[in-house]
Protein backbone atom coordinates (compact mmCIF):
# COMPACT_ATOMS: atom_id res chain seq x y z
CA MET A 1 -34.39 145.33 -53.84
CA VAL A 2 -37.47 143.14 -53.32
CA GLN A 3 -38.60 143.71 -56.91
CA SER A 4 -35.16 142.73 -58.20
CA LEU A 5 -35.19 139.56 -56.10
CA ILE A 6 -38.64 138.61 -57.40
CA MET A 7 -37.49 139.18 -60.97
CA ASP A 8 -34.44 136.95 -60.40
CA ILE A 9 -36.66 134.18 -58.99
CA LEU A 10 -39.07 134.49 -61.92
CA THR A 11 -36.15 134.27 -64.34
CA VAL A 12 -34.99 131.02 -62.76
CA ILE A 13 -38.53 129.60 -62.96
CA TRP A 14 -38.89 130.53 -66.63
CA LEU A 15 -35.50 128.96 -67.32
CA LEU A 16 -36.77 125.65 -65.90
CA ASN A 17 -39.25 125.48 -68.79
CA ILE A 18 -36.65 125.95 -71.49
CA PRO A 19 -35.66 122.25 -71.74
CA ILE A 20 -39.34 121.35 -72.13
CA ALA A 21 -39.76 123.94 -74.89
CA PHE A 22 -36.76 122.70 -76.86
CA ILE A 23 -37.75 119.05 -76.42
CA ALA A 24 -41.29 119.87 -77.59
CA ILE A 25 -40.02 121.43 -80.83
CA ILE A 26 -37.58 118.58 -81.45
CA ARG A 27 -40.33 116.00 -80.89
CA CYS A 28 -42.70 117.90 -83.19
CA MET A 29 -40.11 117.87 -85.98
CA THR A 30 -38.86 114.30 -85.57
CA ASN A 31 -42.28 112.68 -85.06
CA LYS A 32 -44.30 114.59 -87.65
CA GLN A 33 -44.06 111.78 -90.21
CA ILE A 34 -45.52 109.09 -87.94
CA PHE A 35 -47.77 111.27 -85.77
CA ILE A 36 -50.74 110.60 -88.05
CA HIS A 37 -50.59 107.47 -90.18
CA LYS A 38 -51.19 108.73 -93.70
CA ASN A 39 -53.06 106.75 -96.34
CA PRO A 40 -53.20 103.38 -94.56
CA VAL A 41 -53.94 100.54 -96.99
CA ARG A 42 -56.64 97.92 -96.48
CA ILE A 43 -55.17 94.41 -96.36
CA HIS A 44 -57.59 91.67 -95.42
CA ASN A 45 -55.65 90.06 -92.61
CA ASP A 46 -58.53 90.94 -90.28
CA PRO A 47 -57.40 90.29 -86.70
CA ALA A 48 -60.17 90.43 -84.10
CA ILE A 49 -60.58 93.80 -82.37
CA ILE A 50 -62.91 94.46 -79.45
CA PHE A 51 -63.85 98.15 -79.33
CA GLN A 52 -64.51 98.83 -75.66
CA ILE A 53 -66.29 101.95 -74.45
CA THR A 54 -66.04 102.33 -70.68
CA THR A 55 -68.73 104.58 -69.24
CA ARG A 56 -70.57 105.32 -66.04
CA SER A 57 -73.83 105.52 -67.95
CA ALA A 58 -74.71 105.51 -71.63
CA THR A 59 -78.26 106.40 -70.58
CA ASN A 60 -77.09 109.68 -69.01
CA THR A 61 -74.33 110.26 -71.58
CA PRO A 62 -75.89 110.28 -75.06
CA VAL A 63 -72.53 110.81 -76.80
CA VAL A 64 -71.87 107.09 -76.26
CA LEU A 65 -74.42 106.44 -79.03
CA ARG A 66 -72.42 108.71 -81.30
CA GLY A 67 -69.31 106.65 -80.56
CA LEU A 68 -71.11 103.39 -81.28
CA SER A 69 -72.31 104.69 -84.64
CA SER A 70 -68.80 105.87 -85.53
CA ILE A 71 -67.41 102.36 -84.97
CA ILE A 72 -70.07 100.67 -87.09
CA ASP A 73 -69.83 103.26 -89.90
CA SER A 74 -66.03 103.32 -89.99
CA CYS A 75 -65.70 99.54 -90.12
CA SER A 76 -68.43 99.28 -92.75
CA ARG A 77 -66.66 101.78 -95.05
CA ILE A 78 -63.55 99.61 -95.22
CA ASN A 79 -65.43 96.30 -95.23
CA TYR A 80 -64.02 95.17 -91.88
CA SER A 81 -66.33 92.86 -89.93
CA ASN A 82 -64.14 90.85 -87.54
CA TYR A 83 -64.88 93.09 -84.58
CA ARG A 84 -67.04 93.32 -81.50
CA ILE A 85 -68.26 96.34 -79.54
CA SER A 86 -68.33 96.09 -75.76
CA VAL A 87 -69.86 98.80 -73.57
CA VAL A 88 -68.69 98.40 -69.96
CA THR A 89 -71.08 100.39 -67.79
CA ASP A 90 -72.05 101.03 -64.18
CA ASP A 91 -75.67 101.73 -65.16
CA ILE A 92 -77.96 98.71 -65.47
CA ARG A 93 -80.43 100.81 -67.48
CA ASP A 94 -77.95 100.67 -70.37
CA MET A 95 -78.94 97.04 -70.90
CA LYS A 96 -82.29 98.26 -72.19
CA VAL A 97 -81.16 101.52 -73.79
CA LEU A 98 -78.52 99.75 -75.91
CA SER A 99 -80.51 96.58 -76.58
CA ASP A 100 -81.11 97.48 -80.24
CA ARG A 101 -77.48 98.46 -80.88
CA LYS A 102 -74.86 96.14 -82.32
CA CYS A 103 -72.94 95.89 -79.07
CA GLU A 104 -72.44 93.80 -75.99
CA VAL A 105 -73.41 95.54 -72.74
CA VAL A 106 -71.29 94.52 -69.76
CA PHE A 107 -72.87 95.70 -66.51
CA VAL A 108 -70.40 96.13 -63.65
CA ASP A 109 -72.24 94.52 -60.78
CA LYS A 110 -72.24 96.48 -57.52
CA SER A 111 -71.15 93.36 -55.66
CA PHE A 112 -67.89 93.20 -57.63
CA LYS A 113 -64.93 93.63 -55.26
CA THR A 114 -61.53 94.99 -56.28
CA SER A 115 -59.03 97.51 -54.92
CA ALA A 116 -59.40 99.66 -58.03
CA ILE A 117 -61.90 102.52 -58.00
CA LYS A 118 -64.28 104.10 -60.51
CA LYS A 119 -63.03 103.65 -64.09
CA GLY A 120 -60.23 101.31 -62.98
CA ARG A 121 -62.82 99.11 -61.32
CA ALA A 122 -64.92 98.97 -64.50
CA LEU A 123 -61.86 98.20 -66.62
CA GLN A 124 -60.91 95.34 -64.31
CA PHE A 125 -64.45 93.96 -64.53
CA GLY A 126 -64.16 94.06 -68.31
CA VAL A 127 -60.96 92.01 -68.14
CA ILE A 128 -62.62 89.37 -65.97
CA HIS A 129 -65.68 89.26 -68.24
CA ARG A 130 -63.52 88.58 -71.30
CA ARG A 131 -61.53 85.97 -69.36
CA GLU A 132 -64.71 84.08 -68.59
CA SER A 133 -65.77 84.21 -72.23
CA LEU A 134 -62.31 83.01 -73.39
CA ARG A 135 -61.46 86.17 -75.30
CA ASN A 136 -58.32 87.14 -73.40
CA THR A 137 -55.97 85.49 -75.85
CA LYS A 138 -53.35 86.64 -78.37
CA ASP A 139 -56.01 86.42 -81.07
CA TYR A 140 -57.92 89.42 -79.67
CA TRP A 141 -56.99 93.07 -79.36
CA ILE A 142 -58.78 95.60 -77.16
CA PHE A 143 -59.24 99.18 -78.35
CA HIS A 144 -60.20 101.48 -75.47
CA MET A 145 -62.48 104.48 -76.00
CA ASP A 146 -64.04 107.08 -73.70
CA ASP A 147 -67.70 108.10 -73.67
CA GLU A 148 -67.21 110.84 -76.26
CA SER A 149 -64.63 109.12 -78.49
CA PHE A 150 -65.37 109.17 -82.21
CA LEU A 151 -63.75 106.66 -84.56
CA THR A 152 -62.80 107.11 -88.23
CA SER A 153 -61.91 104.66 -91.00
CA GLN A 154 -58.32 105.93 -90.81
CA THR A 155 -58.27 104.84 -87.15
CA VAL A 156 -59.36 101.28 -87.95
CA LEU A 157 -56.93 100.93 -90.86
CA SER A 158 -54.07 102.16 -88.68
CA LEU A 159 -54.96 99.67 -85.94
CA LEU A 160 -55.04 96.80 -88.44
CA LYS A 161 -51.66 97.85 -89.83
CA PHE A 162 -50.06 98.00 -86.38
CA ILE A 163 -51.37 94.55 -85.48
CA ARG A 164 -50.29 93.16 -88.86
CA GLU A 165 -46.72 94.42 -88.46
CA GLY A 166 -46.33 93.06 -84.91
CA ALA A 167 -44.55 96.18 -83.66
CA GLY A 168 -45.59 95.73 -80.02
CA VAL A 169 -48.27 94.57 -77.61
CA ALA A 170 -49.78 98.01 -76.97
CA ALA A 171 -49.96 101.27 -78.88
CA GLU A 172 -51.56 104.71 -78.92
CA GLY A 173 -52.42 107.40 -81.44
CA PRO A 174 -53.16 111.13 -81.49
CA ILE A 175 -56.36 112.58 -80.05
CA PHE A 176 -57.94 115.79 -81.34
CA TYR A 177 -60.80 117.75 -79.78
CA PRO A 178 -63.08 119.24 -82.46
CA LEU A 179 -66.37 117.76 -81.22
CA LYS A 180 -68.75 120.20 -79.49
CA PHE A 181 -65.99 122.80 -79.84
CA GLU A 182 -68.40 125.71 -80.21
CA SER A 183 -70.63 124.37 -77.43
CA ALA A 184 -67.80 124.46 -74.90
CA ASN A 185 -66.72 127.48 -72.88
CA LEU A 186 -64.43 129.55 -75.11
CA LEU A 187 -61.53 129.43 -72.63
CA THR A 188 -61.68 125.66 -72.07
CA ALA A 189 -62.01 125.00 -75.81
CA LEU A 190 -58.98 127.15 -76.63
CA ALA A 191 -57.02 125.79 -73.66
CA GLU A 192 -57.42 122.30 -75.14
CA SER A 193 -55.19 123.46 -78.01
CA VAL A 194 -52.05 122.60 -76.10
CA ARG A 195 -52.91 118.88 -75.93
CA PRO A 196 -52.54 117.90 -79.61
CA PHE A 197 -49.18 119.70 -79.74
CA SER A 198 -47.93 117.97 -76.57
CA CYS A 199 -49.04 114.67 -78.12
CA TYR A 200 -45.98 114.76 -80.39
CA ASP A 201 -44.07 114.02 -77.21
CA CYS A 202 -46.38 111.05 -76.62
CA VAL A 203 -44.91 109.43 -79.73
CA SER A 204 -41.46 109.44 -78.16
CA GLN A 205 -42.88 108.34 -74.82
CA MET A 206 -44.55 105.32 -76.42
CA THR A 207 -41.71 104.39 -78.80
CA ASN A 208 -38.99 104.81 -76.17
CA GLY A 209 -37.47 107.75 -78.03
CA SER A 210 -36.35 109.63 -74.93
CA ILE A 211 -32.66 110.19 -74.24
CA ILE A 212 -33.02 108.68 -70.78
CA LYS A 213 -34.94 105.46 -71.38
CA THR A 214 -37.86 104.96 -68.99
CA PRO A 215 -41.52 103.92 -69.27
CA PRO A 216 -43.94 106.52 -70.67
CA LEU A 217 -44.64 109.37 -68.25
CA HIS A 218 -48.31 109.13 -69.11
CA MET A 219 -50.73 107.21 -71.29
CA HIS A 220 -54.11 108.07 -72.73
CA GLY A 221 -56.93 105.97 -71.38
CA SER A 222 -58.54 106.22 -74.81
CA ASN A 223 -57.11 105.56 -78.28
CA LEU A 224 -55.26 102.76 -76.52
CA LEU A 225 -54.79 99.45 -78.34
CA VAL A 226 -53.72 96.46 -76.19
CA ARG A 227 -53.39 92.77 -76.94
CA ALA A 228 -56.02 90.99 -74.84
CA ASP A 229 -53.66 88.51 -73.14
CA VAL A 230 -51.39 91.38 -72.07
CA GLU A 231 -54.26 93.29 -70.51
CA ASP A 232 -55.38 90.06 -68.83
CA LEU A 233 -51.95 89.57 -67.24
CA ILE A 234 -51.50 93.15 -66.04
CA GLY A 235 -55.11 94.05 -65.27
CA TRP A 236 -56.28 97.34 -63.79
CA ASP A 237 -56.34 96.40 -60.12
CA PHE A 238 -53.88 99.07 -58.97
CA GLY A 239 -55.69 100.34 -55.89
CA PRO A 240 -57.37 103.74 -55.37
CA THR A 241 -55.50 105.72 -58.03
CA LEU A 242 -57.06 108.31 -60.31
CA ALA A 243 -54.49 107.65 -63.05
CA GLU A 244 -54.79 103.93 -63.68
CA ASP A 245 -53.74 104.37 -67.33
CA GLN A 246 -50.36 105.77 -66.29
CA LEU A 247 -49.64 102.74 -64.09
CA PHE A 248 -50.88 100.40 -66.81
CA GLY A 249 -48.29 101.73 -69.27
CA TYR A 250 -45.58 101.53 -66.62
CA LYS A 251 -46.38 97.87 -65.90
CA ILE A 252 -46.35 96.91 -69.61
CA TYR A 253 -42.90 98.46 -69.97
CA GLN A 254 -41.64 96.67 -66.87
CA ILE A 255 -42.94 93.23 -67.85
CA TYR A 256 -42.66 93.22 -71.64
CA GLY A 257 -39.71 95.56 -72.15
CA ALA A 258 -38.88 98.75 -73.99
CA ASP A 259 -39.98 97.48 -77.42
CA SER A 260 -43.43 96.40 -76.24
CA LEU A 261 -45.06 99.80 -76.73
CA GLY A 262 -45.68 101.57 -80.01
CA TRP A 263 -47.55 104.26 -81.93
CA HIS A 264 -50.30 103.22 -84.34
CA GLY A 265 -51.00 106.73 -85.68
CA GLY A 266 -54.77 106.32 -85.89
CA ILE A 267 -56.63 109.48 -84.93
CA LEU A 268 -59.44 109.65 -82.40
CA LEU A 269 -61.79 112.62 -82.16
CA GLU A 270 -63.06 113.81 -78.80
CA GLN A 271 -64.35 117.01 -77.22
CA PRO A 272 -62.90 119.58 -74.81
CA PRO A 273 -64.32 120.03 -71.31
CA LEU A 274 -67.51 122.03 -71.69
CA ASN A 275 -66.94 124.39 -68.75
CA ILE A 276 -64.21 125.73 -66.45
CA LYS A 277 -65.04 123.38 -63.57
CA ASP A 278 -64.83 120.30 -65.78
CA HIS A 279 -61.50 121.47 -67.17
CA PHE A 280 -60.15 122.06 -63.66
CA MET A 281 -61.33 118.70 -62.33
CA GLN A 282 -59.95 116.81 -65.31
CA ARG A 283 -56.47 118.32 -64.94
CA ARG A 284 -56.58 117.96 -61.17
CA ARG A 285 -57.31 114.25 -61.55
CA TRP A 286 -54.27 113.76 -63.79
CA VAL A 287 -51.94 115.47 -61.32
CA VAL A 288 -53.35 113.76 -58.24
CA GLY A 289 -53.15 110.41 -60.03
CA SER A 290 -49.46 110.96 -60.81
CA LEU A 291 -48.79 111.84 -57.18
CA GLN A 292 -50.62 108.72 -56.02
CA ASN A 293 -48.60 106.55 -58.40
CA ILE A 294 -45.18 108.05 -57.77
CA ASP A 295 -44.11 105.57 -55.10
CA GLU A 296 -44.51 102.76 -57.66
CA PHE A 297 -41.88 104.21 -59.98
CA SER A 298 -38.14 103.68 -60.28
CA LEU A 299 -35.87 106.51 -59.13
CA VAL A 300 -35.15 107.87 -62.63
CA HIS A 301 -38.80 107.69 -63.67
CA LYS A 302 -39.84 109.29 -60.39
CA LEU A 303 -37.44 112.22 -60.99
CA LYS A 304 -38.87 112.77 -64.49
CA VAL A 305 -42.42 112.85 -63.13
CA ILE A 306 -41.39 115.21 -60.32
CA TYR A 307 -39.71 117.57 -62.80
CA LYS A 308 -42.80 117.63 -64.99
CA LEU A 309 -45.14 118.32 -62.06
CA THR A 310 -42.76 120.96 -60.67
CA THR A 311 -42.81 122.93 -63.92
CA TYR A 312 -46.63 122.84 -63.89
CA PHE A 313 -46.70 124.06 -60.29
CA LEU A 314 -44.15 126.81 -60.78
CA GLY A 315 -45.68 127.79 -64.11
CA PHE A 316 -48.82 129.02 -62.38
CA ALA A 317 -46.88 130.62 -59.51
CA ALA A 318 -44.63 132.49 -61.95
CA GLY A 319 -47.50 133.48 -64.23
CA ILE A 320 -49.70 134.95 -61.51
CA THR A 321 -46.72 136.68 -59.84
CA SER A 322 -45.64 138.23 -63.16
CA ILE A 323 -49.14 139.59 -63.79
CA ILE A 324 -49.43 141.06 -60.29
CA LEU A 325 -45.94 142.57 -60.50
CA SER A 326 -46.66 144.04 -63.93
CA ILE A 327 -49.89 145.64 -62.69
CA MET A 328 -48.14 147.10 -59.64
CA MET A 329 -45.39 148.60 -61.78
CA HIS A 330 -47.43 149.94 -64.70
CA LEU A 331 -50.86 150.79 -63.30
CA PRO A 332 -49.83 154.03 -61.51
CA LEU A 333 -48.27 155.40 -64.71
CA MET A 334 -51.27 154.46 -66.83
CA VAL A 335 -53.65 156.01 -64.28
CA THR A 336 -51.58 159.21 -64.39
CA ILE A 337 -51.91 159.36 -68.16
CA LEU A 338 -55.67 158.81 -68.08
CA ALA A 339 -56.26 161.19 -65.18
CA GLY A 340 -54.10 163.85 -66.80
CA GLY A 341 -55.92 163.50 -70.07
CA TRP A 342 -59.36 163.82 -68.49
CA SER A 343 -58.67 166.60 -65.97
CA MET A 344 -56.12 168.82 -67.68
CA GLY A 345 -57.25 168.73 -71.27
CA ALA A 346 -55.20 169.54 -74.35
CA ALA A 347 -53.36 172.42 -72.65
CA ASN A 348 -51.31 169.93 -70.67
CA THR A 349 -50.37 167.62 -73.54
CA ASP A 350 -46.70 168.13 -72.71
CA LEU A 351 -47.27 166.61 -69.26
CA ILE A 352 -49.22 163.73 -70.76
CA ASN A 353 -46.58 163.11 -73.40
CA SER A 354 -43.88 163.19 -70.74
CA THR A 355 -45.72 160.63 -68.62
CA PHE A 356 -46.34 158.44 -71.64
CA SER A 357 -42.66 158.63 -72.53
CA LYS A 358 -41.74 157.50 -69.02
CA THR A 359 -44.16 154.60 -69.34
CA MET A 360 -42.55 153.50 -72.61
CA ASP A 361 -39.13 153.75 -70.94
CA VAL A 362 -40.33 151.39 -68.20
CA PHE A 363 -41.65 148.90 -70.76
CA TYR A 364 -38.41 149.12 -72.73
CA SER A 365 -36.27 148.63 -69.61
CA GLU A 366 -38.10 145.37 -68.92
CA SER A 367 -38.15 144.09 -72.49
CA PHE A 368 -35.89 141.58 -74.20
CA LEU A 369 -34.80 144.37 -76.58
CA HIS A 370 -33.24 146.31 -73.70
CA LEU A 371 -31.18 143.28 -72.63
CA TRP A 372 -30.13 142.49 -76.20
CA VAL A 373 -29.02 146.09 -76.87
CA GLY A 374 -27.63 147.25 -73.56
CA GLY A 375 -27.18 144.13 -71.43
CA SER A 376 -24.18 141.92 -70.89
CA TYR A 377 -23.59 138.80 -72.99
CA TYR A 378 -24.95 136.74 -70.09
CA GLU A 379 -28.15 138.82 -69.87
CA ALA A 380 -28.59 138.73 -73.64
CA ALA A 381 -28.22 134.94 -73.66
CA ILE A 382 -30.78 134.52 -70.85
CA ALA A 383 -33.18 136.89 -72.61
CA SER A 384 -32.79 134.97 -75.87
CA LEU A 385 -33.52 131.62 -74.23
CA ILE A 386 -36.63 132.91 -72.47
CA PHE A 387 -37.80 134.65 -75.65
CA MET A 388 -37.43 131.44 -77.69
CA SER A 389 -39.25 129.48 -74.99
CA SER A 390 -42.09 132.02 -75.12
CA ILE A 391 -42.33 131.69 -78.91
CA VAL A 392 -42.59 127.90 -78.58
CA TRP A 393 -45.31 128.34 -75.97
CA LEU A 394 -47.32 130.64 -78.24
CA PHE A 395 -46.75 128.31 -81.21
CA SER A 396 -47.96 125.28 -79.23
CA TYR A 397 -51.40 126.85 -78.78
CA GLN A 398 -51.62 128.01 -82.39
CA PHE A 399 -50.56 124.71 -83.92
CA GLY A 400 -52.64 122.65 -81.50
CA LEU A 401 -55.70 124.78 -82.28
CA PHE A 402 -55.06 124.23 -85.99
CA LEU A 403 -55.05 120.46 -85.46
CA ASN A 404 -58.27 120.58 -83.44
CA LEU A 405 -60.13 122.82 -85.88
CA ARG A 406 -58.85 120.84 -88.86
CA TYR A 407 -61.37 118.09 -88.06
CA SER A 408 -64.24 120.45 -87.24
CA LYS A 409 -66.94 121.91 -89.46
CA ILE A 410 -66.24 125.48 -88.35
CA LYS A 411 -65.92 127.94 -91.25
CA PHE A 412 -62.54 129.45 -92.15
CA GLY A 413 -63.41 132.97 -91.01
CA LYS A 414 -64.38 131.79 -87.55
CA LYS A 415 -61.27 129.63 -87.33
CA PHE A 416 -59.15 132.72 -88.04
CA ILE A 417 -60.91 134.63 -85.27
CA MET A 418 -60.28 131.75 -82.84
CA HIS A 419 -56.57 131.78 -83.67
CA PHE A 420 -56.47 135.51 -82.94
CA GLN A 421 -58.42 135.04 -79.70
CA THR A 422 -55.96 132.34 -78.63
CA LEU A 423 -53.02 134.65 -79.24
CA ILE A 424 -54.55 137.44 -77.16
CA LEU A 425 -55.80 135.12 -74.39
CA CYS A 426 -52.63 133.02 -74.08
CA PRO A 427 -51.64 134.42 -70.64
CA ILE A 428 -55.09 133.56 -69.27
CA LEU A 429 -55.10 130.15 -70.98
CA GLY A 430 -51.71 129.42 -69.40
CA LEU A 431 -53.09 130.17 -65.93
CA ILE A 432 -56.18 128.04 -66.58
CA GLU A 433 -53.96 125.17 -67.69
CA THR A 434 -51.48 125.33 -64.78
CA PHE A 435 -53.72 126.29 -61.85
CA PRO A 436 -55.17 122.75 -61.43
CA ALA A 437 -51.63 121.40 -60.97
CA PHE A 438 -50.77 124.17 -58.51
CA PHE A 439 -53.93 123.48 -56.51
CA ALA A 440 -53.70 119.67 -56.69
CA ILE A 441 -50.11 119.50 -55.47
CA ILE A 442 -50.88 121.68 -52.44
CA GLU A 443 -54.12 119.77 -51.80
CA TYR A 444 -52.38 116.40 -52.04
CA GLY A 445 -49.59 117.51 -49.72
CA LEU A 446 -52.05 118.70 -47.07
CA LYS A 447 -54.17 115.54 -47.30
CA LYS A 448 -51.13 113.30 -47.26
CA ASN A 449 -49.79 114.97 -44.12
CA SER A 450 -53.13 114.64 -42.35
CA ALA A 451 -53.54 110.98 -43.33
CA ASN A 452 -51.56 107.97 -42.20
CA LYS A 453 -48.09 108.20 -43.74
CA HIS A 454 -48.50 104.71 -45.22
CA THR A 455 -51.88 105.46 -46.76
CA ASN A 456 -52.73 107.34 -49.93
CA PRO A 457 -55.69 109.70 -49.46
CA VAL A 458 -58.70 108.63 -51.51
CA TYR A 459 -60.27 111.23 -53.79
CA ASP A 460 -63.68 111.52 -55.35
CA PHE A 461 -63.65 110.73 -59.06
CA TYR A 462 -65.41 113.73 -60.58
CA VAL A 463 -67.27 112.90 -63.79
CA ILE A 464 -67.12 115.72 -66.32
CA ASN A 465 -70.17 116.70 -68.33
CA LYS A 466 -70.27 115.19 -71.84
């Protein structure tokens, strides 16, 4: 009775993910032509772009130097010179470390006061710095990069094309994670596979391609192109939120309208979190930031965010419950087979075969095949939907891994092994991906209840290792 009830609850939870699975496939098919801008052409219109890297410390994060070199090399290859590089940093030592680089170092003074925290505070300081130097006008565009971001010539050409066509005041492009792939923990590197696939949905989010029109549910803080006067008007002074980029996109949509956002299709290369803790803290920050921002949203947008977070939360709960239930149901039979084989020898093969047969019957009774063959039309339909959702889930990791490894220098044989590892480890990768949301939602609820009901709890901004 209890087992049946648990199975019914799990079925309902898995069904909640079916709309997401179908939308993901539809978005992948409809957006595949514009996801990556192919063969952009160099036209010498040359608008001014400021490539801004926002970092806590370039001195302590050497990959910033890699990003600087990628900008200079990429622009040089296409003979584009009307650009500036601005490194906004909290570390005054960067003034000396970057003194021989072709960049402007903007030190965020400790005396600077704003309601924003951590990266949001640095971004707001960057806005004010440009305002004082008269570069927050329509003639300038800001391209935001993270510490580890790596630019290509295709990226720059795509940015120039978007600006030239006047398709909006802000745009994003796809991010892939091939850098330091083999240096990262295997699980975190493979878990990052789901992000490029989910980025097909980002195209629709940014181009207002959703059925129910609302601002984008999320925005990348990197690979973000914004017209300077727009960023000057909106700013980053949103208070103590960990997801300032999400609110920034929401504000652009509110002020400039549905056609103000776009997709430039320029790729940006980054790296996965290097260890399990970094992966957990990164995902936790995204979820907590969404929860902090939710009161700012309209009702429809709020419901969409809640649905997304709910599926993350229940995804972990359902996954861990399914694994525990499966172990409880199958372990005794498997132990019987092993114990019988060791203690009774070949003389009792009939007993072993009988036990094995019972085990296979249990697996069959729980499989989709059993419901398709012997179940009702209703059960067969439910089984088909869940099966298709599972296939999409497995495909998302495989295709996302392909996109990540496509830009790496890993040899073909090793890539094949990684695809196989991802297939085998998918249940574990799913738990790794959803546990931060499960934890963060509970954590936020507890902190919110213990704090003043009118006050958002403030969280530490964990800086992942680069």
